[in-house]
């Protein structure tokens, strides 16, 4: 998969997780909110790895 499309998928994933995190937090589901936060951090790390890859 080309890098531009992969980066777009990571951004969409981060945005969807941000929405889910907000919904879980406002519903009082702290464990789910923390889980979505961890997934967002992972996706951001993967995005950074793809964006800075020079090969």
N, C-alpha and C. Protein backbone atom coordinates (compact mmCIF):
# COMPACT_ATOMS: atom_id res chain seq x y z
N UNK A 1 0.86 -1.17 0.00
CA UNK A 1 0.00 0.00 0.00
C UNK A 1 0.90 1.23 0.00
N UNK A 2 0.52 2.21 -0.78
CA UNK A 2 1.36 3.40 -0.85
C UNK A 2 1.27 4.22 0.44
N UNK A 3 2.34 4.94 0.71
CA UNK A 3 2.46 5.66 2.00
C UNK A 3 1.38 6.70 2.20
N UNK A 4 1.00 7.41 1.16
CA UNK A 4 0.00 8.46 1.30
C UNK A 4 -1.34 7.89 1.75
N UNK A 5 -1.73 6.78 1.16
CA UNK A 5 -2.99 6.14 1.53
C UNK A 5 -2.91 5.57 2.95
N UNK A 6 -1.76 5.00 3.29
CA UNK A 6 -1.57 4.45 4.63
C UNK A 6 -1.63 5.54 5.69
N UNK A 7 -1.00 6.68 5.41
CA UNK A 7 -1.07 7.80 6.35
C UNK A 7 -2.50 8.29 6.52
N UNK A 8 -3.26 8.33 5.43
CA UNK A 8 -4.66 8.74 5.50
C UNK A 8 -5.46 7.77 6.39
N UNK A 9 -5.22 6.48 6.24
CA UNK A 9 -5.92 5.51 7.07
C UNK A 9 -5.58 5.68 8.55
N UNK A 10 -4.33 5.98 8.85
CA UNK A 10 -3.96 6.21 10.25
C UNK A 10 -4.64 7.46 10.80
N UNK A 11 -4.74 8.52 10.00
CA UNK A 11 -5.41 9.74 10.45
C UNK A 11 -6.89 9.47 10.70
N UNK A 12 -7.52 8.73 9.81
CA UNK A 12 -8.93 8.38 9.99
C UNK A 12 -9.11 7.54 11.26
N UNK A 13 -8.21 6.60 11.48
CA UNK A 13 -8.27 5.78 12.68
C UNK A 13 -8.11 6.60 13.95
N UNK A 14 -7.20 7.55 13.92
CA UNK A 14 -7.00 8.42 15.08
C UNK A 14 -8.25 9.25 15.33
N UNK A 15 -8.84 9.78 14.27
CA UNK A 15 -10.05 10.60 14.42
C UNK A 15 -11.22 9.78 14.97
N UNK A 16 -11.41 8.58 14.46
CA UNK A 16 -12.49 7.72 14.96
C UNK A 16 -12.27 7.34 16.42
N UNK A 17 -11.02 7.08 16.78
CA UNK A 17 -10.73 6.76 18.18
C UNK A 17 -10.94 7.97 19.08
N UNK A 18 -10.68 9.16 18.57
CA UNK A 18 -10.92 10.37 19.37
C UNK A 18 -12.42 10.53 19.64
N UNK A 19 -13.24 10.25 18.63
CA UNK A 19 -14.69 10.32 18.82
C UNK A 19 -15.14 9.27 19.83
N UNK A 20 -14.63 8.05 19.69
CA UNK A 20 -15.00 6.98 20.62
C UNK A 20 -14.52 7.28 22.04
N UNK A 21 -13.33 7.85 22.15
CA UNK A 21 -12.80 8.22 23.47
C UNK A 21 -13.70 9.25 24.13
N UNK A 22 -14.10 10.25 23.38
CA UNK A 22 -14.98 11.30 23.92
C UNK A 22 -16.32 10.72 24.35
N UNK A 23 -16.89 9.84 23.52
CA UNK A 23 -18.17 9.23 23.86
C UNK A 23 -18.06 8.37 25.11
N UNK A 24 -16.99 7.59 25.20
CA UNK A 24 -16.80 6.73 26.37
C UNK A 24 -16.58 7.57 27.62
N UNK A 25 -15.80 8.62 27.50
CA UNK A 25 -15.51 9.47 28.66
C UNK A 25 -16.78 10.16 29.18
N UNK A 26 -17.59 10.68 28.26
CA UNK A 26 -18.81 11.37 28.69
C UNK A 26 -19.84 10.40 29.25
N UNK A 27 -19.76 9.12 28.85
CA UNK A 27 -20.68 8.11 29.38
C UNK A 27 -20.18 7.56 30.71
N UNK A 28 -18.99 7.98 31.13
CA UNK A 28 -18.45 7.52 32.40
C UNK A 28 -17.71 6.20 32.32
N UNK A 29 -17.44 5.73 31.12
CA UNK A 29 -16.72 4.47 30.93
C UNK A 29 -15.22 4.76 30.82
N UNK A 30 -14.60 4.88 31.96
CA UNK A 30 -13.19 5.29 32.01
C UNK A 30 -12.27 4.23 31.40
N UNK A 31 -12.56 2.96 31.66
CA UNK A 31 -11.70 1.89 31.13
C UNK A 31 -11.70 1.89 29.60
N UNK A 32 -12.88 2.06 29.00
CA UNK A 32 -12.95 2.14 27.55
C UNK A 32 -12.22 3.38 27.04
N UNK A 33 -12.38 4.49 27.73
CA UNK A 33 -11.73 5.73 27.31
C UNK A 33 -10.21 5.57 27.33
N UNK A 34 -9.70 4.94 28.37
CA UNK A 34 -8.25 4.70 28.46
C UNK A 34 -7.79 3.79 27.32
N UNK A 35 -8.58 2.77 27.03
CA UNK A 35 -8.23 1.86 25.94
C UNK A 35 -8.19 2.59 24.61
N UNK A 36 -9.18 3.42 24.34
CA UNK A 36 -9.16 4.19 23.10
C UNK A 36 -7.98 5.16 23.07
N UNK A 37 -7.60 5.70 24.20
CA UNK A 37 -6.43 6.57 24.27
C UNK A 37 -5.15 5.83 23.93
N UNK A 38 -5.02 4.61 24.43
CA UNK A 38 -3.84 3.79 24.13
C UNK A 38 -3.78 3.46 22.65
N UNK A 39 -4.93 3.13 22.07
CA UNK A 39 -4.98 2.83 20.63
C UNK A 39 -4.60 4.07 19.82
N UNK A 40 -5.05 5.24 20.26
CA UNK A 40 -4.69 6.48 19.56
C UNK A 40 -3.19 6.72 19.60
N UNK A 41 -2.58 6.46 20.75
CA UNK A 41 -1.12 6.63 20.86
C UNK A 41 -0.41 5.67 19.93
N UNK A 42 -0.88 4.43 19.86
CA UNK A 42 -0.28 3.44 18.96
C UNK A 42 -0.41 3.87 17.50
N UNK A 43 -1.60 4.33 17.11
CA UNK A 43 -1.80 4.77 15.74
C UNK A 43 -0.96 5.99 15.40
N UNK A 44 -0.82 6.90 16.35
CA UNK A 44 0.03 8.07 16.13
C UNK A 44 1.49 7.66 15.96
N UNK A 45 1.93 6.69 16.73
CA UNK A 45 3.30 6.19 16.59
C UNK A 45 3.50 5.54 15.23
N UNK A 46 2.54 4.73 14.80
CA UNK A 46 2.64 4.10 13.49
C UNK A 46 2.61 5.16 12.37
N UNK A 47 1.77 6.18 12.52
CA UNK A 47 1.73 7.26 11.54
C UNK A 47 3.10 7.93 11.45
N UNK A 48 3.68 8.22 12.59
CA UNK A 48 5.00 8.87 12.61
C UNK A 48 6.05 7.98 11.94
N UNK A 49 5.98 6.67 12.20
CA UNK A 49 6.94 5.75 11.58
C UNK A 49 6.80 5.72 10.05
N UNK A 50 5.57 5.75 9.56
CA UNK A 50 5.35 5.75 8.12
C UNK A 50 5.76 7.09 7.50
N UNK A 51 5.43 8.18 8.20
CA UNK A 51 5.72 9.51 7.68
C UNK A 51 7.21 9.80 7.61
N UNK A 52 7.98 9.24 8.52
CA UNK A 52 9.41 9.55 8.55
C UNK A 52 10.26 8.49 7.85
N UNK A 53 9.64 7.47 7.30
CA UNK A 53 10.39 6.41 6.60
C UNK A 53 10.94 6.97 5.29
N UNK A 54 12.21 6.84 5.08
CA UNK A 54 12.86 7.41 3.89
C UNK A 54 13.15 6.38 2.81
N UNK A 55 12.75 5.13 2.99
CA UNK A 55 13.08 4.12 1.97
C UNK A 55 12.06 4.03 0.87
